[in-house]
Amino acid sequence: MIFTIGAANPVQPQQQRFWPDPRPLVERLGADFFRQLPEKPGVYLMHGTADIVLYVGKAKSLRHRLGNYRVANPDRMRRRQLRLLQQVVRIELEECLDEAAALAREAELLRTLKPKFNR
């Protein structure tokens, strides 16, 4: 354990990993999927088996937002999000003119589809 002089609480050491973080979406969809994502606003639908929509999200930049899902780091993601990434088999994109249009489209999809992983 590492201690800092004059500190009331000891500094917790970082746990080292012996294997890389899981990348379930990269394994299923391929690295090219993430490289080809547009830097435009839009809506994305994450589908599970039997083509069921598990999650609907919106993004200012689809490339940036979906890039956050490439690595499923259990130290940085909630368990619910990790479970979602394990179930996704396909991601569908809808580009929108602007963020406001993406927000409206997301609300419409949430009302009609009621995806399991959206609260």
C-alpha atoms as a PDB file:
ATOM      1  CA  MET A   1       0.000   0.000   0.000  1.00  0.00           C
ATOM      2  CA  ILE A   2       1.262   3.530  -0.768  1.00  0.00           C
ATOM      3  CA  PHE A   3       1.049   6.245   1.889  1.00  0.00           C
ATOM      4  CA  THR A   4       1.355   9.982   1.410  1.00  0.00           C
ATOM      5  CA  ILE A   5       3.121  11.891   4.182  1.00  0.00           C
ATOM      6  CA  GLY A   6       0.761  14.241   5.973  1.00  0.00           C
ATOM      7  CA  ALA A   7      -2.369  12.746   4.385  1.00  0.00           C
ATOM      8  CA  ALA A   8      -5.140  11.375   6.550  1.00  0.00           C
ATOM      9  CA  ASN A   9      -6.050   8.619   4.065  1.00  0.00           C
ATOM     10  CA  PRO A  10      -3.664   6.290   2.245  1.00  0.00           C
ATOM     11  CA  VAL A  11      -3.566   6.460  -1.575  1.00  0.00           C
ATOM     12  CA  GLN A  12      -5.071   3.326  -3.080  1.00  0.00           C
ATOM     13  CA  PRO A  13      -2.760   1.610  -5.593  1.00  0.00           C
ATOM     14  CA  GLN A  14      -4.055   1.009  -9.125  1.00  0.00           C
ATOM     15  CA  GLN A  15      -4.793  -2.626  -9.874  1.00  0.00           C
ATOM     16  CA  GLN A  16      -2.814  -3.801 -12.862  1.00  0.00           C
ATOM     17  CA  ARG A  17      -4.537  -5.889 -15.500  1.00  0.00           C
ATOM     18  CA  PHE A  18      -2.915  -8.901 -17.059  1.00  0.00           C
ATOM     19  CA  TRP A  19      -5.206  -8.928 -20.087  1.00  0.00           C
ATOM     20  CA  PRO A  20      -6.741  -6.169 -22.234  1.00  0.00           C
ATOM     21  CA  ASP A  21     -10.238  -4.855 -21.609  1.00  0.00           C
ATOM     22  CA  PRO A  22     -13.002  -6.712 -23.481  1.00  0.00           C
ATOM     23  CA  ARG A  23     -14.081  -5.269 -26.829  1.00  0.00           C
ATOM     24  CA  PRO A  24     -17.304  -7.146 -27.611  1.00  0.00           C
ATOM     25  CA  LEU A  25     -18.595  -4.703 -30.247  1.00  0.00           C
ATOM     26  CA  VAL A  26     -15.265  -4.590 -32.091  1.00  0.00           C
ATOM     27  CA  GLU A  27     -15.236  -8.394 -32.112  1.00  0.00           C
ATOM     28  CA  ARG A  28     -18.789  -8.579 -33.500  1.00  0.00           C
ATOM     29  CA  LEU A  29     -18.955  -5.533 -35.776  1.00  0.00           C
ATOM     30  CA  GLY A  30     -15.285  -5.157 -36.725  1.00  0.00           C
ATOM     31  CA  ALA A  31     -12.869  -2.250 -36.359  1.00  0.00           C
ATOM     32  CA  ASP A  32     -13.877  -0.917 -39.796  1.00  0.00           C
ATOM     33  CA  PHE A  33     -17.397  -0.259 -38.506  1.00  0.00           C
ATOM     34  CA  PHE A  34     -16.013   2.264 -36.010  1.00  0.00           C
ATOM     35  CA  ARG A  35     -13.618   3.826 -38.556  1.00  0.00           C
ATOM     36  CA  GLN A  36     -16.428   4.464 -41.044  1.00  0.00           C
ATOM     37  CA  LEU A  37     -18.859   6.163 -38.648  1.00  0.00           C
ATOM     38  CA  PRO A  38     -19.934   9.667 -39.715  1.00  0.00           C
ATOM     39  CA  GLU A  39     -19.078  12.707 -37.603  1.00  0.00           C
ATOM     40  CA  LYS A  40     -22.664  13.929 -37.967  1.00  0.00           C
ATOM     41  CA  PRO A  41     -25.544  14.148 -35.518  1.00  0.00           C
ATOM     42  CA  GLY A  42     -27.941  11.257 -35.468  1.00  0.00           C
ATOM     43  CA  VAL A  43     -29.681   8.423 -33.708  1.00  0.00           C
ATOM     44  CA  TYR A  44     -28.413   4.888 -33.202  1.00  0.00           C
ATOM     45  CA  LEU A  45     -30.327   1.728 -32.432  1.00  0.00           C
ATOM     46  CA  MET A  46     -28.570  -1.224 -30.812  1.00  0.00           C
ATOM     47  CA  HIS A  47     -30.164  -4.518 -31.819  1.00  0.00           C
ATOM     48  CA  GLY A  48     -29.924  -7.857 -30.052  1.00  0.00           C
ATOM     49  CA  THR A  49     -30.770 -11.331 -31.246  1.00  0.00           C
ATOM     50  CA  ALA A  50     -34.025 -11.724 -33.155  1.00  0.00           C
ATOM     51  CA  ASP A  51     -33.497  -8.089 -34.254  1.00  0.00           C
ATOM     52  CA  ILE A  52     -34.977  -6.730 -30.990  1.00  0.00           C
ATOM     53  CA  VAL A  53     -34.038  -3.093 -30.305  1.00  0.00           C
ATOM     54  CA  LEU A  54     -32.216  -3.046 -26.961  1.00  0.00           C
ATOM     55  CA  TYR A  55     -31.206   0.618 -26.800  1.00  0.00           C
ATOM     56  CA  VAL A  56     -31.831   3.895 -28.628  1.00  0.00           C
ATOM     57  CA  GLY A  57     -29.448   6.815 -28.274  1.00  0.00           C
ATOM     58  CA  LYS A  58     -28.706  10.160 -29.895  1.00  0.00           C
ATOM     59  CA  ALA A  59     -25.396  11.821 -30.613  1.00  0.00           C
ATOM     60  CA  LYS A  60     -23.931  15.151 -31.713  1.00  0.00           C
ATOM     61  CA  SER A  61     -21.279  13.064 -33.470  1.00  0.00           C
ATOM     62  CA  LEU A  62     -22.096   9.417 -34.148  1.00  0.00           C
ATOM     63  CA  ARG A  63     -18.392   8.596 -34.514  1.00  0.00           C
ATOM     64  CA  HIS A  64     -17.466  10.065 -31.152  1.00  0.00           C
ATOM     65  CA  ARG A  65     -20.446   8.651 -29.249  1.00  0.00           C
ATOM     66  CA  LEU A  66     -20.295   5.113 -30.619  1.00  0.00           C
ATOM     67  CA  GLY A  67     -16.517   5.133 -30.232  1.00  0.00           C
ATOM     68  CA  ASN A  68     -17.134   5.240 -26.477  1.00  0.00           C
ATOM     69  CA  TYR A  69     -18.623   1.743 -26.727  1.00  0.00           C
ATOM     70  CA  ARG A  70     -15.554   0.123 -28.332  1.00  0.00           C
ATOM     71  CA  VAL A  71     -13.916  -0.874 -25.049  1.00  0.00           C
ATOM     72  CA  ALA A  72     -16.039  -2.419 -22.300  1.00  0.00           C
ATOM     73  CA  ASN A  73     -13.896  -1.449 -19.318  1.00  0.00           C
ATOM     74  CA  PRO A  74     -15.558  -2.880 -16.189  1.00  0.00           C
ATOM     75  CA  ASP A  75     -13.870  -0.220 -14.010  1.00  0.00           C
ATOM     76  CA  ARG A  76     -15.423   2.660 -15.953  1.00  0.00           C
ATOM     77  CA  MET A  77     -18.798   1.340 -17.101  1.00  0.00           C
ATOM     78  CA  ARG A  78     -21.895   0.412 -15.171  1.00  0.00           C
ATOM     79  CA  ARG A  79     -22.881  -3.244 -15.065  1.00  0.00           C
ATOM     80  CA  ARG A  80     -26.082  -2.458 -16.966  1.00  0.00           C
ATOM     81  CA  GLN A  81     -24.065  -0.934 -19.820  1.00  0.00           C
ATOM     82  CA  LEU A  82     -21.672  -3.900 -19.858  1.00  0.00           C
ATOM     83  CA  ARG A  83     -24.649  -6.293 -20.112  1.00  0.00           C
ATOM     84  CA  LEU A  84     -26.000  -4.245 -23.014  1.00  0.00           C
ATOM     85  CA  LEU A  85     -22.706  -4.426 -24.919  1.00  0.00           C
ATOM     86  CA  GLN A  86     -22.602  -8.209 -24.464  1.00  0.00           C
ATOM     87  CA  GLN A  87     -26.033  -8.541 -26.108  1.00  0.00           C
ATOM     88  CA  VAL A  88     -25.639  -6.187 -29.097  1.00  0.00           C
ATOM     89  CA  VAL A  89     -25.283  -7.935 -32.465  1.00  0.00           C
ATOM     90  CA  ARG A  90     -26.019  -5.006 -34.801  1.00  0.00           C
ATOM     91  CA  ILE A  91     -26.111  -1.195 -34.684  1.00  0.00           C
ATOM     92  CA  GLU A  92     -28.361   0.808 -37.004  1.00  0.00           C
ATOM     93  CA  LEU A  93     -27.641   4.507 -37.656  1.00  0.00           C
ATOM     94  CA  GLU A  94     -29.894   7.349 -38.747  1.00  0.00           C
ATOM     95  CA  GLU A  95     -28.146  10.609 -39.613  1.00  0.00           C
ATOM     96  CA  CYS A  96     -30.046  13.806 -38.798  1.00  0.00           C
ATOM     97  CA  LEU A  97     -29.689  17.409 -39.957  1.00  0.00           C
ATOM     98  CA  ASP A  98     -28.824  18.714 -36.495  1.00  0.00           C
ATOM     99  CA  GLU A  99     -28.863  17.804 -32.820  1.00  0.00           C
ATOM    100  CA  ALA A 100     -32.428  19.057 -32.331  1.00  0.00           C
ATOM    101  CA  ALA A 101     -33.678  16.760 -35.100  1.00  0.00           C
ATOM    102  CA  ALA A 102     -31.771  13.869 -33.522  1.00  0.00           C
ATOM    103  CA  LEU A 103     -33.345  14.588 -30.139  1.00  0.00           C
ATOM    104  CA  ALA A 104     -36.844  14.622 -31.660  1.00  0.00           C
ATOM    105  CA  ARG A 105     -36.202  11.371 -33.550  1.00  0.00           C
ATOM    106  CA  GLU A 106     -34.826   9.699 -30.405  1.00  0.00           C
ATOM    107  CA  ALA A 107     -37.941  10.697 -28.426  1.00  0.00           C
ATOM    108  CA  GLU A 108     -40.176   9.289 -31.162  1.00  0.00           C
ATOM    109  CA  LEU A 109     -38.277   5.989 -31.258  1.00  0.00           C
ATOM    110  CA  LEU A 110     -38.284   5.677 -27.466  1.00  0.00           C
ATOM    111  CA  ARG A 111     -42.059   6.164 -27.370  1.00  0.00           C
ATOM    112  CA  THR A 112     -42.759   3.582 -30.042  1.00  0.00           C
ATOM    113  CA  LEU A 113     -40.094   0.926 -29.347  1.00  0.00           C
ATOM    114  CA  LYS A 114     -39.673   1.102 -25.534  1.00  0.00           C
ATOM    115  CA  PRO A 115     -36.197  -0.534 -25.595  1.00  0.00           C
ATOM    116  CA  LYS A 116     -35.193  -2.718 -22.660  1.00  0.00           C
ATOM    117  CA  PHE A 117     -31.993  -0.809 -21.762  1.00  0.00           C
ATOM    118  CA  ASN A 118     -33.422   2.709 -21.962  1.00  0.00           C
ATOM    119  CA  ARG A 119     -34.806   3.962 -18.662  1.00  0.00           C
END
